[in-house]
């Protein structure tokens, strides 16, 4: 089983999807992580404000953070850092996790039709 780890900057909650001004990109990313987990990937997300010990326990993450806090979020697949400074799109996650064509990135788990079909 593949393992995806996300080391997020300090946020108000574990996903950043809280408070009066929710960032739509974080909402999409949270949904994409849920979708990735449904594909059989183990997903672990750490928030610097709530779980600093997870950051300190990973020397590669510490090294990235020493280069600057703008390196967050840090995304690792099977222990190897694959992205820094940005929350990846679903399509990018599919590629980084090598989920192949069976996991079509355009599919929306909560949608009954494709975005281009015009039915929704």
PDB file of N, CA and C in Angstrom:
ATOM      1  N   UNK A   1       0.834  -1.174   0.000  1.00  0.00           N
ATOM      2  CA  UNK A   1       0.000   0.000   0.000  1.00  0.00           C
ATOM      3  C   UNK A   1       0.885   1.246   0.000  1.00  0.00           C
ATOM      4  N   UNK A   2       0.583   2.153  -0.880  1.00  0.00           N
ATOM      5  CA  UNK A   2       1.323   3.407  -0.934  1.00  0.00           C
ATOM      6  C   UNK A   2       0.941   4.279   0.252  1.00  0.00           C
ATOM      7  N   UNK A   3       1.885   5.154   0.645  1.00  0.00           N
ATOM      8  CA  UNK A   3       1.650   6.041   1.772  1.00  0.00           C
ATOM      9  C   UNK A   3       1.893   7.484   1.330  1.00  0.00           C
ATOM     10  N   UNK A   4       0.912   8.333   1.552  1.00  0.00           N
ATOM     11  CA  UNK A   4       1.001   9.753   1.245  1.00  0.00           C
ATOM     12  C   UNK A   4       0.991  10.525   2.549  1.00  0.00           C
ATOM     13  N   UNK A   5       1.989  11.389   2.735  1.00  0.00           N
ATOM     14  CA  UNK A   5       2.063  12.224   3.927  1.00  0.00           C
ATOM     15  C   UNK A   5       2.085  13.680   3.503  1.00  0.00           C
ATOM     16  N   UNK A   6       1.287  14.483   4.190  1.00  0.00           N
ATOM     17  CA  UNK A   6       1.217  15.913   3.910  1.00  0.00           C
ATOM     18  C   UNK A   6       1.599  16.658   5.184  1.00  0.00           C
ATOM     19  N   UNK A   7       2.615  17.498   5.083  1.00  0.00           N
ATOM     20  CA  UNK A   7       3.078  18.313   6.201  1.00  0.00           C
ATOM     21  C   UNK A   7       2.635  19.750   5.910  1.00  0.00           C
ATOM     22  N   UNK A   8       1.525  20.158   6.532  1.00  0.00           N
ATOM     23  CA  UNK A   8       0.926  21.459   6.291  1.00  0.00           C
ATOM     24  C   UNK A   8       1.497  22.523   7.222  1.00  0.00           C
ATOM     25  N   UNK A   9       1.430  23.793   6.800  1.00  0.00           N
ATOM     26  CA  UNK A   9       1.773  24.872   7.731  1.00  0.00           C
ATOM     27  C   UNK A   9       0.745  24.923   8.851  1.00  0.00           C
ATOM     28  N   UNK A  10       1.011  25.728   9.856  1.00  0.00           N
ATOM     29  CA  UNK A  10       0.063  25.864  10.963  1.00  0.00           C
ATOM     30  C   UNK A  10      -1.243  26.436  10.430  1.00  0.00           C
ATOM     31  N   UNK A  11      -2.334  25.720  10.723  1.00  0.00           N
ATOM     32  CA  UNK A  11      -3.670  26.155  10.313  1.00  0.00           C
ATOM     33  C   UNK A  11      -4.600  26.031  11.506  1.00  0.00           C
ATOM     34  N   UNK A  12      -5.781  26.605  11.370  1.00  0.00           N
ATOM     35  CA  UNK A  12      -6.722  26.630  12.487  1.00  0.00           C
ATOM     36  C   UNK A  12      -7.232  25.237  12.867  1.00  0.00           C
ATOM     37  N   UNK A  13      -7.231  24.322  11.908  1.00  0.00           N
ATOM     38  CA  UNK A  13      -7.656  22.949  12.173  1.00  0.00           C
ATOM     39  C   UNK A  13      -6.830  22.013  11.289  1.00  0.00           C
ATOM     40  N   UNK A  14      -7.061  20.738  11.381  1.00  0.00           N
ATOM     41  CA  UNK A  14      -6.218  19.766  10.683  1.00  0.00           C
ATOM     42  C   UNK A  14      -6.251  19.892   9.160  1.00  0.00           C
ATOM     43  N   UNK A  15      -7.350  20.427   8.606  1.00  0.00           N
ATOM     44  CA  UNK A  15      -7.458  20.532   7.145  1.00  0.00           C
ATOM     45  C   UNK A  15      -7.385  21.963   6.640  1.00  0.00           C
ATOM     46  N   UNK A  16      -7.533  22.938   7.524  1.00  0.00           N
ATOM     47  CA  UNK A  16      -7.584  24.323   7.106  1.00  0.00           C
ATOM     48  C   UNK A  16      -8.952  24.727   6.583  1.00  0.00           C
ATOM     49  N   UNK A  17      -9.888  23.791   6.615  1.00  0.00           N
ATOM     50  CA  UNK A  17     -11.240  24.045   6.115  1.00  0.00           C
ATOM     51  C   UNK A  17     -12.120  24.410   7.313  1.00  0.00           C
ATOM     52  N   UNK A  18     -11.893  25.616   7.835  1.00  0.00           N
ATOM     53  CA  UNK A  18     -12.634  26.079   8.997  1.00  0.00           C
ATOM     54  C   UNK A  18     -12.548  27.593   9.052  1.00  0.00           C
ATOM     55  N   UNK A  19     -13.307  28.183   9.919  1.00  0.00           N
ATOM     56  CA  UNK A  19     -13.284  29.628  10.066  1.00  0.00           C
ATOM     57  C   UNK A  19     -14.150  30.323   9.035  1.00  0.00           C
ATOM     58  N   UNK A  20     -14.209  31.651   9.127  1.00  0.00           N
ATOM     59  CA  UNK A  20     -15.099  32.409   8.245  1.00  0.00           C
ATOM     60  C   UNK A  20     -14.594  32.555   6.808  1.00  0.00           C
ATOM     61  N   UNK A  21     -13.305  32.493   6.582  1.00  0.00           N
ATOM     62  CA  UNK A  21     -12.738  32.676   5.247  1.00  0.00           C
ATOM     63  C   UNK A  21     -12.021  31.411   4.800  1.00  0.00           C
ATOM     64  N   UNK A  22     -12.779  30.430   4.349  1.00  0.00           N
ATOM     65  CA  UNK A  22     -12.214  29.153   3.928  1.00  0.00           C
ATOM     66  C   UNK A  22     -11.602  29.305   2.542  1.00  0.00           C
ATOM     67  N   UNK A  23     -10.381  28.837   2.395  1.00  0.00           N
ATOM     68  CA  UNK A  23      -9.688  28.856   1.112  1.00  0.00           C
ATOM     69  C   UNK A  23     -10.245  27.722   0.247  1.00  0.00           C
ATOM     70  N   UNK A  24     -10.849  28.045  -0.909  1.00  0.00           N
ATOM     71  CA  UNK A  24     -11.416  26.997  -1.767  1.00  0.00           C
ATOM     72  C   UNK A  24     -10.383  25.954  -2.208  1.00  0.00           C
ATOM     73  N   UNK A  25      -9.122  26.363  -2.325  1.00  0.00           N
ATOM     74  CA  UNK A  25      -8.076  25.409  -2.713  1.00  0.00           C
ATOM     75  C   UNK A  25      -7.901  24.338  -1.641  1.00  0.00           C
ATOM     76  N   UNK A  26      -8.050  24.721  -0.367  1.00  0.00           N
ATOM     77  CA  UNK A  26      -7.927  23.744   0.718  1.00  0.00           C
ATOM     78  C   UNK A  26      -9.120  22.801   0.749  1.00  0.00           C
ATOM     79  N   UNK A  27     -10.294  23.303   0.395  1.00  0.00           N
ATOM     80  CA  UNK A  27     -11.481  22.456   0.317  1.00  0.00           C
ATOM     81  C   UNK A  27     -11.276  21.391  -0.767  1.00  0.00           C
ATOM     82  N   UNK A  28     -10.798  21.832  -1.924  1.00  0.00           N
ATOM     83  CA  UNK A  28     -10.542  20.905  -3.036  1.00  0.00           C
ATOM     84  C   UNK A  28      -9.474  19.891  -2.652  1.00  0.00           C
ATOM     85  N   UNK A  29      -8.406  20.357  -2.010  1.00  0.00           N
ATOM     86  CA  UNK A  29      -7.320  19.455  -1.624  1.00  0.00           C
ATOM     87  C   UNK A  29      -7.805  18.414  -0.621  1.00  0.00           C
ATOM     88  N   UNK A  30      -8.619  18.826   0.346  1.00  0.00           N
ATOM     89  CA  UNK A  30      -9.161  17.883   1.325  1.00  0.00           C
ATOM     90  C   UNK A  30     -10.008  16.820   0.623  1.00  0.00           C
ATOM     91  N   UNK A  31     -10.818  17.240  -0.342  1.00  0.00           N
ATOM     92  CA  UNK A  31     -11.637  16.282  -1.100  1.00  0.00           C
ATOM     93  C   UNK A  31     -10.750  15.352  -1.922  1.00  0.00           C
ATOM     94  N   UNK A  32      -9.679  15.899  -2.493  1.00  0.00           N
ATOM     95  CA  UNK A  32      -8.772  15.065  -3.282  1.00  0.00           C
ATOM     96  C   UNK A  32      -8.055  14.036  -2.411  1.00  0.00           C
ATOM     97  N   UNK A  33      -7.694  14.409  -1.198  1.00  0.00           N
ATOM     98  CA  UNK A  33      -7.060  13.454  -0.279  1.00  0.00           C
ATOM     99  C   UNK A  33      -8.030  12.345   0.101  1.00  0.00           C
ATOM    100  N   UNK A  34      -9.288  12.708   0.294  1.00  0.00           N
ATOM    101  CA  UNK A  34     -10.305  11.699   0.599  1.00  0.00           C
ATOM    102  C   UNK A  34     -10.446  10.736  -0.576  1.00  0.00           C
ATOM    103  N   UNK A  35     -10.445  11.264  -1.786  1.00  0.00           N
ATOM    104  CA  UNK A  35     -10.541  10.451  -2.992  1.00  0.00           C
ATOM    105  C   UNK A  35      -9.324   9.525  -3.113  1.00  0.00           C
ATOM    106  N   UNK A  36      -8.122  10.067  -2.854  1.00  0.00           N
ATOM    107  CA  UNK A  36      -6.890   9.266  -2.912  1.00  0.00           C
ATOM    108  C   UNK A  36      -6.972   8.113  -1.914  1.00  0.00           C
ATOM    109  N   UNK A  37      -7.460   8.383  -0.720  1.00  0.00           N
ATOM    110  CA  UNK A  37      -7.605   7.331   0.298  1.00  0.00           C
ATOM    111  C   UNK A  37      -8.564   6.252  -0.188  1.00  0.00           C
ATOM    112  N   UNK A  38      -9.610   6.655  -0.906  1.00  0.00           N
ATOM    113  CA  UNK A  38     -10.567   5.681  -1.442  1.00  0.00           C
ATOM    114  C   UNK A  38      -9.954   4.806  -2.527  1.00  0.00           C
ATOM    115  N   UNK A  39      -8.817   5.249  -3.079  1.00  0.00           N
ATOM    116  CA  UNK A  39      -8.107   4.461  -4.087  1.00  0.00           C
ATOM    117  C   UNK A  39      -7.144   3.452  -3.448  1.00  0.00           C
ATOM    118  N   UNK A  40      -7.143   3.393  -2.106  1.00  0.00           N
ATOM    119  CA  UNK A  40      -6.303   2.420  -1.407  1.00  0.00           C
ATOM    120  C   UNK A  40      -4.978   2.968  -0.920  1.00  0.00           C
ATOM    121  N   UNK A  41      -4.812   4.278  -0.945  1.00  0.00           N
ATOM    122  CA  UNK A  41      -3.572   4.906  -0.478  1.00  0.00           C
ATOM    123  C   UNK A  41      -3.746   5.289   0.990  1.00  0.00           C
ATOM    124  N   UNK A  42      -2.731   5.000   1.797  1.00  0.00           N
ATOM    125  CA  UNK A  42      -2.730   5.435   3.191  1.00  0.00           C
ATOM    126  C   UNK A  42      -2.385   6.926   3.206  1.00  0.00           C
ATOM    127  N   UNK A  43      -3.265   7.754   3.749  1.00  0.00           N
ATOM    128  CA  UNK A  43      -3.064   9.203   3.762  1.00  0.00           C
ATOM    129  C   UNK A  43      -2.915   9.677   5.201  1.00  0.00           C
ATOM    130  N   UNK A  44      -1.841  10.418   5.456  1.00  0.00           N
ATOM    131  CA  UNK A  44      -1.615  11.009   6.769  1.00  0.00           C
ATOM    132  C   UNK A  44      -1.315  12.487   6.565  1.00  0.00           C
ATOM    133  N   UNK A  45      -2.027  13.329   7.280  1.00  0.00           N
ATOM    134  CA  UNK A  45      -1.854  14.769   7.153  1.00  0.00           C
ATOM    135  C   UNK A  45      -1.466  15.347   8.503  1.00  0.00           C
ATOM    136  N   UNK A  46      -0.390  16.141   8.531  1.00  0.00           N
ATOM    137  CA  UNK A  46       0.100  16.743   9.760  1.00  0.00           C
ATOM    138  C   UNK A  46      -0.006  18.263   9.666  1.00  0.00           C
ATOM    139  N   UNK A  47      -0.417  18.896  10.758  1.00  0.00           N
ATOM    140  CA  UNK A  47      -0.551  20.337  10.846  1.00  0.00           C
ATOM    141  C   UNK A  47       0.532  20.824  11.805  1.00  0.00           C
ATOM    142  N   UNK A  48       1.375  21.741  11.349  1.00  0.00           N
ATOM    143  CA  UNK A  48       2.493  22.210  12.170  1.00  0.00           C
ATOM    144  C   UNK A  48       2.024  22.777  13.500  1.00  0.00           C
ATOM    145  N   UNK A  49       0.885  23.436  13.508  1.00  0.00           N
ATOM    146  CA  UNK A  49       0.377  24.027  14.746  1.00  0.00           C
ATOM    147  C   UNK A  49      -0.128  23.007  15.745  1.00  0.00           C
ATOM    148  N   UNK A  50      -0.518  21.825  15.272  1.00  0.00           N
ATOM    149  CA  UNK A  50      -1.097  20.820  16.158  1.00  0.00           C
ATOM    150  C   UNK A  50      -0.211  19.593  16.358  1.00  0.00           C
ATOM    151  N   UNK A  51       0.663  19.302  15.397  1.00  0.00           N
ATOM    152  CA  UNK A  51       1.496  18.094  15.480  1.00  0.00           C
ATOM    153  C   UNK A  51       2.957  18.387  15.126  1.00  0.00           C
ATOM    154  N   UNK A  52       3.588  19.301  15.841  1.00  0.00           N
ATOM    155  CA  UNK A  52       4.974  19.646  15.510  1.00  0.00           C
ATOM    156  C   UNK A  52       5.940  18.470  15.652  1.00  0.00           C
ATOM    157  N   UNK A  53       5.591  17.499  16.514  1.00  0.00           N
ATOM    158  CA  UNK A  53       6.471  16.348  16.709  1.00  0.00           C
ATOM    159  C   UNK A  53       6.617  15.522  15.424  1.00  0.00           C
ATOM    160  N   UNK A  54       5.586  15.485  14.575  1.00  0.00           N
ATOM    161  CA  UNK A  54       5.668  14.741  13.314  1.00  0.00           C
ATOM    162  C   UNK A  54       6.679  15.393  12.380  1.00  0.00           C
ATOM    163  N   UNK A  55       6.756  16.705  12.409  1.00  0.00           N
ATOM    164  CA  UNK A  55       7.719  17.429  11.588  1.00  0.00           C
ATOM    165  C   UNK A  55       9.128  17.189  12.117  1.00  0.00           C
ATOM    166  N   UNK A  56       9.305  17.324  13.425  1.00  0.00           N
ATOM    167  CA  UNK A  56      10.619  17.162  14.046  1.00  0.00           C
ATOM    168  C   UNK A  56      11.159  15.748  13.888  1.00  0.00           C
ATOM    169  N   UNK A  57      10.267  14.763  13.778  1.00  0.00           N
ATOM    170  CA  UNK A  57      10.685  13.363  13.671  1.00  0.00           C
ATOM    171  C   UNK A  57      11.147  12.981  12.271  1.00  0.00           C
ATOM    172  N   UNK A  58      10.966  13.866  11.304  1.00  0.00           N
ATOM    173  CA  UNK A  58      11.347  13.558   9.928  1.00  0.00           C
ATOM    174  C   UNK A  58      12.481  14.482   9.495  1.00  0.00           C
ATOM    175  N   UNK A  59      13.721  13.971   9.434  1.00  0.00           N
ATOM    176  CA  UNK A  59      14.868  14.815   9.097  1.00  0.00           C
ATOM    177  C   UNK A  59      14.754  15.512   7.738  1.00  0.00           C
ATOM    178  N   UNK A  60      14.151  14.865   6.766  1.00  0.00           N
ATOM    179  CA  UNK A  60      14.006  15.488   5.442  1.00  0.00           C
ATOM    180  C   UNK A  60      13.058  16.681   5.509  1.00  0.00           C
ATOM    181  N   UNK A  61      12.020  16.577   6.304  1.00  0.00           N
ATOM    182  CA  UNK A  61      11.072  17.681   6.479  1.00  0.00           C
ATOM    183  C   UNK A  61      11.745  18.826   7.225  1.00  0.00           C
ATOM    184  N   UNK A  62      12.511  18.509   8.257  1.00  0.00           N
ATOM    185  CA  UNK A  62      13.241  19.534   9.009  1.00  0.00           C
ATOM    186  C   UNK A  62      14.182  20.287   8.075  1.00  0.00           C
ATOM    187  N   UNK A  63      14.887  19.558   7.223  1.00  0.00           N
ATOM    188  CA  UNK A  63      15.827  20.183   6.284  1.00  0.00           C
ATOM    189  C   UNK A  63      15.092  21.135   5.335  1.00  0.00           C
ATOM    190  N   UNK A  64      13.947  20.714   4.837  1.00  0.00           N
ATOM    191  CA  UNK A  64      13.159  21.583   3.960  1.00  0.00           C
ATOM    192  C   UNK A  64      12.719  22.842   4.699  1.00  0.00           C
ATOM    193  N   UNK A  65      12.257  22.687   5.930  1.00  0.00           N
ATOM    194  CA  UNK A  65      11.792  23.830   6.700  1.00  0.00           C
ATOM    195  C   UNK A  65      12.932  24.788   7.034  1.00  0.00           C
ATOM    196  N   UNK A  66      14.138  24.259   7.199  1.00  0.00           N
ATOM    197  CA  UNK A  66      15.293  25.122   7.443  1.00  0.00           C
ATOM    198  C   UNK A  66      15.577  26.005   6.239  1.00  0.00           C
ATOM    199  N   UNK A  67      15.184  25.540   5.055  1.00  0.00           N
ATOM    200  CA  UNK A  67      15.364  26.328   3.835  1.00  0.00           C
ATOM    201  C   UNK A  67      14.315  27.438   3.746  1.00  0.00           C
ATOM    202  N   UNK A  68      13.258  27.355   4.547  1.00  0.00           N
ATOM    203  CA  UNK A  68      12.243  28.393   4.574  1.00  0.00           C
ATOM    204  C   UNK A  68      10.865  27.809   4.813  1.00  0.00           C
ATOM    205  N   UNK A  69      10.070  28.553   5.556  1.00  0.00           N
ATOM    206  CA  UNK A  69       8.720  28.085   5.867  1.00  0.00           C
ATOM    207  C   UNK A  69       7.823  28.085   4.629  1.00  0.00           C
ATOM    208  N   UNK A  70       8.259  28.777   3.588  1.00  0.00           N
ATOM    209  CA  UNK A  70       7.488  28.762   2.339  1.00  0.00           C
ATOM    210  C   UNK A  70       7.581  27.409   1.646  1.00  0.00           C
ATOM    211  N   UNK A  71       8.382  26.510   2.168  1.00  0.00           N
ATOM    212  CA  UNK A  71       8.488  25.139   1.631  1.00  0.00           C
ATOM    213  C   UNK A  71       7.257  24.309   2.017  1.00  0.00           C
ATOM    214  N   UNK A  72       6.481  24.777   2.998  1.00  0.00           N
ATOM    215  CA  UNK A  72       5.262  24.080   3.399  1.00  0.00           C
ATOM    216  C   UNK A  72       4.129  24.446   2.444  1.00  0.00           C
ATOM    217  N   UNK A  73       3.256  23.555   2.114  1.00  0.00           N
ATOM    218  CA  UNK A  73       3.203  22.166   2.548  1.00  0.00           C
ATOM    219  C   UNK A  73       4.278  21.319   1.868  1.00  0.00           C
ATOM    220  N   UNK A  74       4.692  20.296   2.573  1.00  0.00           N
ATOM    221  CA  UNK A  74       5.625  19.304   2.047  1.00  0.00           C
ATOM    222  C   UNK A  74       4.837  18.015   1.865  1.00  0.00           C
ATOM    223  N   UNK A  75       4.949  17.439   0.683  1.00  0.00           N
ATOM    224  CA  UNK A  75       4.209  16.209   0.386  1.00  0.00           C
ATOM    225  C   UNK A  75       5.207  15.095   0.092  1.00  0.00           C
ATOM    226  N   UNK A  76       5.020  13.964   0.787  1.00  0.00           N
ATOM    227  CA  UNK A  76       5.913  12.814   0.620  1.00  0.00           C
ATOM    228  C   UNK A  76       5.102  11.584   0.225  1.00  0.00           C
ATOM    229  N   UNK A  77       5.674  10.804  -0.656  1.00  0.00           N
ATOM    230  CA  UNK A  77       5.092   9.524  -1.065  1.00  0.00           C
ATOM    231  C   UNK A  77       6.077   8.434  -0.669  1.00  0.00           C
ATOM    232  N   UNK A  78       5.612   7.506   0.130  1.00  0.00           N
ATOM    233  CA  UNK A  78       6.449   6.400   0.611  1.00  0.00           C
ATOM    234  C   UNK A  78       7.766   6.903   1.204  1.00  0.00           C
ATOM    235  N   UNK A  79       7.659   8.014   1.961  1.00  0.00           N
ATOM    236  CA  UNK A  79       8.819   8.549   2.659  1.00  0.00           C
ATOM    237  C   UNK A  79       9.707   9.465   1.841  1.00  0.00           C
ATOM    238  N   UNK A  80       9.417   9.636   0.557  1.00  0.00           N
ATOM    239  CA  UNK A  80      10.241  10.480  -0.318  1.00  0.00           C
ATOM    240  C   UNK A  80       9.486  11.763  -0.641  1.00  0.00           C
ATOM    241  N   UNK A  81      10.107  12.905  -0.400  1.00  0.00           N
ATOM    242  CA  UNK A  81       9.466  14.187  -0.685  1.00  0.00           C
ATOM    243  C   UNK A  81       9.300  14.339  -2.192  1.00  0.00           C
ATOM    244  N   UNK A  82       8.059  14.619  -2.607  1.00  0.00           N
ATOM    245  CA  UNK A  82       7.747  14.753  -4.032  1.00  0.00           C
ATOM    246  C   UNK A  82       7.279  16.160  -4.393  1.00  0.00           C
ATOM    247  N   UNK A  83       6.989  16.988  -3.374  1.00  0.00           N
ATOM    248  CA  UNK A  83       6.501  18.336  -3.650  1.00  0.00           C
ATOM    249  C   UNK A  83       6.698  19.213  -2.428  1.00  0.00           C
ATOM    250  N   UNK A  84       6.999  20.490  -2.684  1.00  0.00           N
ATOM    251  CA  UNK A  84       7.085  21.464  -1.602  1.00  0.00           C
ATOM    252  C   UNK A  84       6.412  22.760  -2.043  1.00  0.00           C
ATOM    253  N   UNK A  85       5.813  23.448  -1.080  1.00  0.00           N
ATOM    254  CA  UNK A  85       5.292  24.778  -1.314  1.00  0.00           C
ATOM    255  C   UNK A  85       3.934  24.892  -1.971  1.00  0.00           C
ATOM    256  N   UNK A  86       3.287  23.759  -2.276  1.00  0.00           N
ATOM    257  CA  UNK A  86       2.000  23.818  -2.957  1.00  0.00           C
ATOM    258  C   UNK A  86       1.181  22.566  -2.634  1.00  0.00           C
ATOM    259  N   UNK A  87      -0.136  22.757  -2.545  1.00  0.00           N
ATOM    260  CA  UNK A  87      -1.033  21.611  -2.428  1.00  0.00           C
ATOM    261  C   UNK A  87      -1.282  21.095  -3.837  1.00  0.00           C
ATOM    262  N   UNK A  88      -0.959  19.858  -4.100  1.00  0.00           N
ATOM    263  CA  UNK A  88      -1.071  19.282  -5.438  1.00  0.00           C
ATOM    264  C   UNK A  88      -2.530  19.095  -5.840  1.00  0.00           C
ATOM    265  N   UNK A  89      -2.772  19.140  -7.145  1.00  0.00           N
ATOM    266  CA  UNK A  89      -4.102  18.849  -7.680  1.00  0.00           C
ATOM    267  C   UNK A  89      -4.314  17.335  -7.667  1.00  0.00           C
ATOM    268  N   UNK A  90      -5.547  16.919  -7.889  1.00  0.00           N
ATOM    269  CA  UNK A  90      -5.846  15.485  -7.952  1.00  0.00           C
ATOM    270  C   UNK A  90      -5.033  14.823  -9.062  1.00  0.00           C
ATOM    271  N   UNK A  91      -4.963  15.471 -10.199  1.00  0.00           N
ATOM    272  CA  UNK A  91      -4.193  14.916 -11.318  1.00  0.00           C
ATOM    273  C   UNK A  91      -2.724  14.762 -10.948  1.00  0.00           C
ATOM    274  N   UNK A  92      -2.157  15.751 -10.270  1.00  0.00           N
ATOM    275  CA  UNK A  92      -0.764  15.663  -9.841  1.00  0.00           C
ATOM    276  C   UNK A  92      -0.585  14.550  -8.808  1.00  0.00           C
ATOM    277  N   UNK A  93      -1.536  14.404  -7.899  1.00  0.00           N
ATOM    278  CA  UNK A  93      -1.461  13.323  -6.910  1.00  0.00           C
ATOM    279  C   UNK A  93      -1.492  11.964  -7.594  1.00  0.00           C
ATOM    280  N   UNK A  94      -2.349  11.819  -8.597  1.00  0.00           N
ATOM    281  CA  UNK A  94      -2.427  10.559  -9.347  1.00  0.00           C
ATOM    282  C   UNK A  94      -1.067  10.229  -9.954  1.00  0.00           C
ATOM    283  N   UNK A  95      -0.422  11.227 -10.543  1.00  0.00           N
ATOM    284  CA  UNK A  95       0.899  10.998 -11.157  1.00  0.00           C
ATOM    285  C   UNK A  95       1.956  10.674 -10.113  1.00  0.00           C
ATOM    286  N   UNK A  96       2.004  11.453  -9.041  1.00  0.00           N
ATOM    287  CA  UNK A  96       3.021  11.238  -8.001  1.00  0.00           C
ATOM    288  C   UNK A  96       2.853   9.881  -7.317  1.00  0.00           C
ATOM    289  N   UNK A  97       1.606   9.435  -7.194  1.00  0.00           N
ATOM    290  CA  UNK A  97       1.324   8.150  -6.551  1.00  0.00           C
ATOM    291  C   UNK A  97       1.332   6.991  -7.536  1.00  0.00           C
ATOM    292  N   UNK A  98       1.493   7.301  -8.813  1.00  0.00           N
ATOM    293  CA  UNK A  98       1.506   6.297  -9.874  1.00  0.00           C
ATOM    294  C   UNK A  98       0.260   5.419  -9.788  1.00  0.00           C
ATOM    295  N   UNK A  99      -0.901   6.085  -9.731  1.00  0.00           N
ATOM    296  CA  UNK A  99      -2.155   5.350  -9.645  1.00  0.00           C
ATOM    297  C   UNK A  99      -2.622   4.835 -11.000  1.00  0.00           C
ATOM    298  N   UNK A 100      -1.999   5.287 -12.077  1.00  0.00           N
ATOM    299  CA  UNK A 100      -2.300   4.761 -13.403  1.00  0.00           C
ATOM    300  C   UNK A 100      -3.620   5.246 -13.961  1.00  0.00           C
ATOM    301  N   UNK A 101      -4.003   4.658 -15.091  1.00  0.00           N
ATOM    302  CA  UNK A 101      -5.206   5.076 -15.788  1.00  0.00           C
ATOM    303  C   UNK A 101      -6.479   4.586 -15.108  1.00  0.00           C
ATOM    304  N   UNK A 102      -6.373   3.614 -14.231  1.00  0.00           N
ATOM    305  CA  UNK A 102      -7.561   3.111 -13.534  1.00  0.00           C
ATOM    306  C   UNK A 102      -8.150   4.188 -12.626  1.00  0.00           C
ATOM    307  N   UNK A 103      -7.331   5.127 -12.221  1.00  0.00           N
ATOM    308  CA  UNK A 103      -7.788   6.209 -11.351  1.00  0.00           C
ATOM    309  C   UNK A 103      -7.841   7.489 -12.152  1.00  0.00           C
ATOM    310  N   UNK A 104      -8.857   7.645 -12.944  1.00  0.00           N
ATOM    311  CA  UNK A 104      -8.986   8.827 -13.798  1.00  0.00           C
ATOM    312  C   UNK A 104      -9.111  10.075 -12.944  1.00  0.00           C
ATOM    313  N   UNK A 105      -8.182  11.023 -13.071  1.00  0.00           N
ATOM    314  CA  UNK A 105      -8.189  12.189 -12.210  1.00  0.00           C
ATOM    315  C   UNK A 105      -9.389  13.106 -12.403  1.00  0.00           C
ATOM    316  N   UNK A 106     -10.056  13.065 -13.534  1.00  0.00           N
ATOM    317  CA  UNK A 106     -11.195  13.950 -13.766  1.00  0.00           C
ATOM    318  C   UNK A 106     -12.458  13.447 -13.083  1.00  0.00           C
ATOM    319  N   UNK A 107     -12.469  12.180 -12.672  1.00  0.00           N
ATOM    320  CA  UNK A 107     -13.650  11.638 -12.005  1.00  0.00           C
ATOM    321  C   UNK A 107     -13.871  12.365 -10.690  1.00  0.00           C
ATOM    322  N   UNK A 108     -15.089  12.711 -10.417  1.00  0.00           N
ATOM    323  CA  UNK A 108     -15.441  13.349  -9.160  1.00  0.00           C
ATOM    324  C   UNK A 108     -16.250  12.342  -8.357  1.00  0.00           C
ATOM    325  N   UNK A 109     -15.759  11.964  -7.200  1.00  0.00           N
ATOM    326  CA  UNK A 109     -16.409  10.941  -6.388  1.00  0.00           C
ATOM    327  C   UNK A 109     -17.842  11.336  -6.000  1.00  0.00           C
ATOM    328  N   UNK A 110     -18.093  12.625  -5.839  1.00  0.00           N
ATOM    329  CA  UNK A 110     -19.416  13.039  -5.404  1.00  0.00           C
ATOM    330  C   UNK A 110     -20.306  13.467  -6.563  1.00  0.00           C
ATOM    331  N   UNK A 111     -19.852  13.306  -7.783  1.00  0.00           N
ATOM    332  CA  UNK A 111     -20.614  13.766  -8.931  1.00  0.00           C
ATOM    333  C   UNK A 111     -21.147  12.599  -9.719  1.00  0.00           C
ATOM    334  N   UNK A 112     -22.322  12.794 -10.323  1.00  0.00           N
ATOM    335  CA  UNK A 112     -22.936  11.742 -11.122  1.00  0.00           C
ATOM    336  C   UNK A 112     -22.551  11.864 -12.583  1.00  0.00           C
ATOM    337  N   UNK A 113     -21.884  12.940 -12.947  1.00  0.00           N
ATOM    338  CA  UNK A 113     -21.527  13.149 -14.339  1.00  0.00           C
ATOM    339  C   UNK A 113     -20.216  13.892 -14.423  1.00  0.00           C
ATOM    340  N   UNK A 114     -19.617  13.905 -15.601  1.00  0.00           N
ATOM    341  CA  UNK A 114     -18.352  14.600 -15.770  1.00  0.00           C
ATOM    342  C   UNK A 114     -18.587  16.100 -15.822  1.00  0.00           C
ATOM    343  N   UNK A 115     -17.597  16.898 -15.446  1.00  0.00           N
ATOM    344  CA  UNK A 115     -17.771  18.359 -15.427  1.00  0.00           C
ATOM    345  C   UNK A 115     -18.079  18.917 -16.824  1.00  0.00           C
ATOM    346  N   UNK A 116     -17.640  18.278 -17.879  1.00  0.00           N
ATOM    347  CA  UNK A 116     -17.818  18.783 -19.229  1.00  0.00           C
ATOM    348  C   UNK A 116     -19.147  18.348 -19.853  1.00  0.00           C
ATOM    349  N   UNK A 117     -19.906  17.504 -19.194  1.00  0.00           N
ATOM    350  CA  UNK A 117     -21.124  16.950 -19.798  1.00  0.00           C
ATOM    351  C   UNK A 117     -22.288  17.951 -19.809  1.00  0.00           C
ATOM    352  N   UNK A 118     -22.228  18.934 -18.899  1.00  0.00           N
ATOM    353  CA  UNK A 118     -23.284  19.915 -18.844  1.00  0.00           C
ATOM    354  C   UNK A 118     -24.521  19.472 -18.073  1.00  0.00           C
ATOM    355  N   UNK A 119     -24.515  18.273 -17.520  1.00  0.00           N
ATOM    356  CA  UNK A 119     -25.698  17.791 -16.816  1.00  0.00           C
ATOM    357  C   UNK A 119     -25.791  18.338 -15.399  1.00  0.00           C
ATOM    358  N   UNK A 120     -24.728  18.876 -14.856  1.00  0.00           N
ATOM    359  CA  UNK A 120     -24.760  19.378 -13.483  1.00  0.00           C
ATOM    360  C   UNK A 120     -24.641  20.888 -13.456  1.00  0.00           C
TER     361      UNK A 120
END
